[in-house]
Amino acid sequence: MDTSHHDLPGLFKQLGLPADAHAIRAFIASHPLDPETNIEEAPFWSSSQAAFLKQSLDDDAEWAEAVDALANLLTG
């Protein structure tokens, strides 16, 4: 049974990134995403991170909402 929190800090943990509020803000500030680029196509992801993001969106998985939220913050 998956007991992960499917929120932004949980997504960062899932991606293997620091998940505290300061680290999330710093990541968003330093990784702008062109609005025309899909989040999983951003050059700053590893191949496994990109695959996870793509699968989450393609499958409309439990993580999809957090992935969408991150995409919006990165294109903000």
Protein backbone atom coordinates (compact mmCIF):
# COMPACT_ATOMS: atom_id res chain seq x y z
CA MET A 1 0.00 0.00 0.00
CA ASP A 2 1.39 3.39 -1.03
CA THR A 3 1.41 5.71 1.98
CA SER A 4 3.32 8.52 0.27
CA HIS A 5 2.05 12.06 0.55
CA HIS A 6 1.23 13.07 -3.01
CA ASP A 7 2.04 16.72 -2.47
CA LEU A 8 4.94 18.90 -3.61
CA PRO A 9 7.36 17.88 -0.83
CA GLY A 10 6.41 14.25 -1.42
CA LEU A 11 7.07 14.65 -5.14
CA PHE A 12 10.51 16.12 -4.45
CA LYS A 13 11.29 13.15 -2.20
CA GLN A 14 10.05 10.78 -4.90
CA LEU A 15 12.39 12.48 -7.38
CA GLY A 16 15.31 12.13 -4.96
CA LEU A 17 15.55 15.86 -4.34
CA PRO A 18 15.72 17.78 -1.05
CA ALA A 19 12.14 18.38 0.03
CA ASP A 20 12.26 21.10 2.66
CA ALA A 21 10.52 24.39 1.86
CA HIS A 22 13.77 26.30 1.30
CA ALA A 23 15.15 23.65 -1.09
CA ILE A 24 11.90 23.55 -3.06
CA ARG A 25 11.85 27.35 -3.43
CA ALA A 26 15.52 27.34 -4.48
CA PHE A 27 14.91 24.59 -7.05
CA ILE A 28 11.95 26.44 -8.56
CA ALA A 29 13.91 29.72 -8.70
CA SER A 30 16.91 28.11 -10.39
CA HIS A 31 15.10 25.83 -12.86
CA PRO A 32 12.83 27.97 -15.05
CA LEU A 33 10.80 26.06 -17.60
CA ASP A 34 9.67 27.49 -20.92
CA PRO A 35 5.85 27.30 -21.07
CA GLU A 36 6.15 25.48 -24.41
CA THR A 37 8.24 22.68 -22.87
CA ASN A 38 6.59 19.71 -21.18
CA ILE A 39 7.90 19.25 -17.66
CA GLU A 40 9.28 15.78 -18.39
CA GLU A 41 11.28 17.20 -21.32
CA ALA A 42 13.17 19.74 -19.22
CA PRO A 43 16.94 19.29 -19.54
CA PHE A 44 17.56 19.33 -15.79
CA TRP A 45 15.95 15.93 -15.05
CA SER A 46 17.79 12.64 -15.03
CA SER A 47 16.34 10.02 -17.36
CA SER A 48 14.66 8.21 -14.47
CA GLN A 49 13.14 11.44 -13.10
CA ALA A 50 11.83 12.37 -16.55
CA ALA A 51 10.36 8.89 -17.02
CA PHE A 52 8.61 9.09 -13.64
CA LEU A 53 7.13 12.51 -14.44
CA LYS A 54 5.96 11.37 -17.89
CA GLN A 55 4.43 8.16 -16.56
CA SER A 56 2.67 10.03 -13.77
CA LEU A 57 1.04 12.38 -16.27
CA ASP A 58 0.34 9.74 -18.95
CA ASP A 59 -1.34 7.42 -16.44
CA ASP A 60 -3.07 10.28 -14.60
CA ALA A 61 -1.51 8.68 -11.54
CA GLU A 62 -1.79 9.87 -7.95
CA TRP A 63 1.31 12.02 -8.54
CA ALA A 64 -0.18 13.81 -11.59
CA GLU A 65 -1.65 16.67 -9.58
CA ALA A 66 1.68 17.39 -7.85
CA VAL A 67 3.53 17.13 -11.19
CA ASP A 68 1.10 19.64 -12.71
CA ALA A 69 1.57 21.96 -9.74
CA LEU A 70 5.35 21.80 -10.12
CA ALA A 71 5.10 22.48 -13.85
CA ASN A 72 3.00 25.57 -13.13
CA LEU A 73 5.50 26.81 -10.56
CA LEU A 74 8.43 26.28 -12.92
CA THR A 75 6.75 28.17 -15.76
CA GLY A 76 5.39 30.81 -13.39
